[in-house]
Protein backbone atom coordinates (compact mmCIF):
# COMPACT_ATOMS: atom_id res chain seq x y z
CA MET A 1 -0.04 -0.03 -0.20
CA ALA A 2 1.22 3.62 -0.75
CA PRO A 3 2.35 5.53 2.34
CA ALA A 4 -0.27 8.17 1.70
CA ALA A 5 -2.98 5.75 1.51
CA GLU A 6 -1.87 4.09 4.73
CA ILE A 7 -1.66 7.31 6.54
CA ALA A 8 -5.06 8.26 5.19
CA LEU A 9 -6.63 4.94 6.42
CA LEU A 10 -4.94 5.22 9.73
CA TRP A 11 -6.35 8.91 10.01
CA ALA A 12 -9.92 7.71 9.05
CA GLY A 13 -9.66 4.86 11.60
CA PHE A 14 -8.60 7.26 14.33
CA ALA A 15 -11.27 9.85 13.69
CA ALA A 16 -13.89 7.14 13.29
CA THR A 17 -13.37 5.52 16.57
CA HIS A 18 -12.51 8.83 18.39
CA MET A 19 -16.09 10.35 17.36
CA GLY A 20 -17.70 7.03 17.24
CA LEU A 21 -16.79 6.06 20.88
CA SER A 22 -17.93 9.49 21.99
CA SER A 23 -21.21 9.52 20.20
CA LEU A 24 -23.96 9.47 22.76
CA PRO A 25 -25.56 6.10 22.09
CA VAL A 26 -22.26 4.39 22.07
CA ARG A 27 -20.85 6.20 25.09
CA ARG A 28 -23.93 5.78 27.22
CA ARG A 29 -23.93 1.92 26.49
CA LEU A 30 -20.19 1.42 27.31
CA VAL A 31 -20.22 3.69 30.50
CA GLY A 32 -23.07 1.69 31.61
CA ALA A 33 -21.30 -1.60 31.13
CA LEU A 34 -17.55 -0.70 32.07
CA GLY A 35 -17.96 2.50 34.31
CA GLU A 36 -16.75 5.98 33.48
CA TRP A 37 -13.08 5.50 34.10
CA PRO A 38 -12.64 1.96 32.61
CA PHE A 39 -14.45 3.82 29.45
CA ARG A 40 -12.01 6.57 29.26
CA GLY A 41 -9.08 4.17 29.48
CA LEU A 42 -10.58 2.19 26.52
CA TYR A 43 -11.04 5.50 24.69
CA SER A 44 -7.25 6.34 25.21
CA LEU A 45 -6.17 2.96 24.49
CA VAL A 46 -8.14 2.83 21.18
CA ALA A 47 -6.82 6.21 20.16
CA LEU A 48 -3.20 5.30 20.74
CA ALA A 49 -3.67 2.14 18.75
CA PHE A 50 -4.34 4.25 15.73
CA PHE A 51 -2.30 7.28 16.51
CA VAL A 52 1.18 5.79 17.24
CA PRO A 53 1.09 3.49 13.94
CA LEU A 54 0.05 6.80 12.17
CA VAL A 55 3.02 8.61 13.19
CA ARG A 56 5.37 5.73 12.74
CA VAL A 57 4.25 5.26 9.19
CA TYR A 58 4.85 8.83 8.44
CA PHE A 59 8.20 9.14 9.72
CA ALA A 60 9.18 5.97 7.96
CA HIS A 61 7.98 7.71 4.78
CA LYS A 62 8.39 11.42 5.09
CA HIS A 63 8.21 13.35 1.67
CA ALA A 64 7.12 10.02 -0.15
CA GLY A 65 4.96 10.36 -3.15
CA PRO A 66 4.61 12.96 -5.84
CA TRP A 67 5.20 16.60 -4.71
CA LEU A 68 1.98 18.73 -4.99
CA TRP A 69 3.67 21.84 -4.43
CA ASP A 70 7.04 22.99 -3.27
CA LEU A 71 7.37 26.60 -1.93
CA PRO A 72 10.67 28.35 -1.73
CA ARG A 73 11.94 27.93 1.78
CA GLY A 74 12.99 31.46 2.35
CA PRO A 75 12.54 33.97 5.27
CA ALA A 76 9.01 34.62 4.25
CA LEU A 77 7.93 31.10 4.63
CA ARG A 78 9.87 30.55 7.83
CA ALA A 79 8.16 33.72 9.34
CA VAL A 80 4.76 32.34 8.50
CA VAL A 81 5.39 29.04 9.93
CA TYR A 82 7.13 30.27 13.18
CA ALA A 83 4.20 32.63 13.59
CA GLY A 84 1.65 29.76 12.98
CA MET A 85 3.34 27.61 15.60
CA GLY A 86 3.46 30.22 18.10
CA LEU A 87 -0.22 30.75 17.71
CA ALA A 88 -0.96 27.00 17.73
CA PHE A 89 0.89 26.62 21.07
CA VAL A 90 -0.65 29.50 22.86
CA LEU A 91 -4.15 28.28 21.70
CA ALA A 92 -3.30 24.98 23.20
CA VAL A 93 -1.91 26.17 26.29
CA ALA A 94 -4.69 28.73 26.81
CA SER A 95 -7.10 25.88 26.47
CA GLN A 96 -5.64 23.94 29.48
CA LEU A 97 -5.43 26.91 31.70
CA ARG A 98 -9.19 27.67 31.38
CA PRO A 99 -11.14 24.54 30.66
CA SER A 100 -13.88 24.70 28.18
CA PRO A 101 -17.59 24.16 29.01
CA ALA A 102 -17.38 21.16 26.66
CA ALA A 103 -14.56 19.64 28.61
CA VAL A 104 -15.02 16.31 30.52
CA VAL A 105 -15.33 18.50 33.85
CA PRO A 106 -16.99 21.56 32.25
CA GLY A 107 -15.28 24.92 32.73
CA ASP A 108 -17.23 28.25 33.17
CA PRO A 109 -19.41 28.84 30.05
CA THR A 110 -18.82 32.69 30.18
CA PRO A 111 -16.88 33.63 27.30
CA ARG A 112 -13.46 35.23 27.84
CA GLY A 113 -10.14 35.24 26.76
CA VAL A 114 -9.20 32.70 24.27
CA TYR A 115 -12.62 31.41 24.00
CA ARG A 116 -13.51 34.85 22.47
CA ILE A 117 -11.00 33.88 19.68
CA THR A 118 -12.42 30.49 19.20
CA ARG A 119 -14.40 28.24 21.44
CA HIS A 120 -12.18 25.38 20.33
CA PRO A 121 -8.75 26.56 21.14
CA LEU A 122 -6.95 23.01 21.44
CA LEU A 123 -8.52 21.60 18.18
CA MET A 124 -7.97 24.88 16.27
CA GLY A 125 -4.31 24.77 17.52
CA LEU A 126 -3.87 21.46 16.09
CA ALA A 127 -5.56 22.67 12.91
CA VAL A 128 -3.07 25.64 12.77
CA PHE A 129 -0.19 23.09 13.40
CA GLY A 130 -1.39 21.00 10.47
CA LEU A 131 -1.81 24.16 8.15
CA VAL A 132 1.61 25.65 8.60
CA HIS A 133 3.25 22.43 8.18
CA LEU A 134 1.51 21.88 4.90
CA LEU A 135 3.22 25.03 3.63
CA PRO A 136 6.89 23.52 3.30
CA ASN A 137 5.81 19.78 3.21
CA GLY A 138 4.00 19.45 -0.22
CA SER A 139 4.49 15.58 -0.99
CA LEU A 140 1.51 13.37 -1.05
CA ALA A 141 2.49 11.55 2.37
CA ASP A 142 2.99 15.05 3.90
CA VAL A 143 -0.37 16.14 2.75
CA ALA A 144 -1.95 13.21 4.00
CA PHE A 145 -0.35 13.29 7.40
CA PHE A 146 -0.52 17.08 8.17
CA GLY A 147 -3.90 17.56 6.22
CA GLY A 148 -5.20 14.86 8.59
CA PHE A 149 -4.65 17.27 11.52
CA VAL A 150 -6.62 20.05 9.81
CA ALA A 151 -9.60 17.81 8.76
CA PHE A 152 -9.86 15.84 12.24
CA SER A 153 -9.75 19.05 14.08
CA LEU A 154 -12.47 20.78 12.14
CA VAL A 155 -14.64 17.73 12.05
CA GLY A 156 -14.09 17.02 15.62
CA ALA A 157 -14.90 20.39 16.62
CA TRP A 158 -18.12 20.10 14.96
CA HIS A 159 -19.05 16.80 16.40
CA GLN A 160 -18.02 18.08 19.81
CA ASP A 161 -20.57 20.95 19.44
CA ALA A 162 -23.37 18.81 18.22
CA ARG A 163 -22.92 16.25 21.18
CA LYS A 164 -22.76 18.82 24.02
CA LEU A 165 -25.74 20.61 22.55
CA ALA A 166 -27.57 17.34 22.37
CA LEU A 167 -26.70 16.70 26.10
CA ASP A 168 -28.04 20.14 26.83
CA VAL A 169 -24.89 21.05 28.95
CA PRO A 170 -25.93 24.11 31.30
CA GLY A 171 -24.57 27.36 29.49
CA PHE A 172 -23.28 25.57 26.48
CA PRO A 173 -26.11 26.86 24.03
CA ALA A 174 -25.41 30.39 25.08
CA PHE A 175 -21.59 29.73 24.79
CA VAL A 176 -21.78 28.53 21.30
CA ALA A 177 -24.04 31.49 20.25
CA GLU A 178 -21.47 33.96 21.60
CA THR A 179 -18.23 32.33 20.45
CA PRO A 180 -16.84 31.98 17.07
CA PHE A 181 -15.89 28.20 15.68
CA LEU A 182 -13.02 29.57 13.58
CA PRO A 183 -10.22 31.45 15.16
CA PHE A 184 -10.44 35.27 14.46
CA THR A 185 -13.86 35.28 12.98
CA GLY A 186 -15.86 36.60 15.97
CA ARG A 187 -16.94 40.18 16.65
CA GLU A 188 -14.88 40.11 20.05
CA THR A 189 -11.69 38.96 18.78
CA GLY A 190 -9.97 42.10 19.70
CA ARG A 191 -11.25 41.80 23.24
CA GLY A 192 -10.40 38.18 23.64
CA LEU A 193 -6.72 39.11 22.68
CA ARG A 194 -6.70 41.69 25.43
CA GLU A 195 -8.08 39.30 27.89
CA LEU A 196 -5.71 36.53 26.80
CA SER A 197 -3.67 35.12 29.80
CA LEU A 198 -0.12 36.55 29.94
CA LEU A 199 0.80 32.87 31.31
CA ALA A 200 -0.83 31.17 28.13
CA LEU A 201 1.18 33.42 26.01
CA LEU A 202 4.43 33.07 27.73
CA LEU A 203 4.40 29.28 28.03
CA GLY A 204 2.86 28.82 24.51
CA LEU A 205 5.65 30.89 22.91
CA ALA A 206 8.21 29.33 25.01
CA ALA A 207 7.09 25.76 24.01
CA ALA A 208 7.15 26.88 20.26
CA VAL A 209 10.72 28.27 20.61
CA THR A 210 11.91 25.02 22.37
CA VAL A 211 10.28 22.71 19.66
CA ARG A 212 12.06 24.91 16.90
CA TRP A 213 15.30 24.83 18.78
CA PHE A 214 15.26 20.97 18.86
CA HIS A 215 13.21 20.31 15.79
CA THR A 216 16.05 18.83 13.73
CA ARG A 217 17.23 16.63 16.32
CA TRP A 218 13.76 15.24 17.59
CA PHE A 219 11.90 15.19 14.07
CA GLY A 220 14.65 15.66 11.46
CA GLY A 221 14.53 18.30 8.67
């Protein structure tokens, strides 16, 4: 099987099991049979069973297949990638410092800070990660791998909204109405940026700089 096809199939399995197990009928049935914490353990094991091989296959076949684009790797491209990675890490860190009302343990549904930028900061951080890595990595295998982050994040965010609305989580309908799905598309993006946690900003940028510094050692060129 071609590497790109194998990567795409692993992404499909990861997404299908991730969202299938968390869908309301399946989750309720499994939690009823196993209990809450055993279900979470099963959920994590199934995710790893797809994600670990996915990463292994990609790193064994980086840049495999025909190149769909090959952008010049100059200062402009590097600046876009570095800025995008900084944004991705800041969104991800901010999501952990102030839990979402859609989290397993729901946080405060009052929109503030990063949630005025996007109501899915972790998933949108992953989407930005995938997007900026697509720019310098245009082979078919690269597109299958990094494009999978974008597709999974967008579909996963949509699925999470639908599931939490169906569960009628307190305060969640108003939260959805007042927050943007995609980053920087809401009316209060500027206010969200001003409210963004300084700690999230510093930790996110520090993580981005650290990953950039060790990128070649950890992940290769």
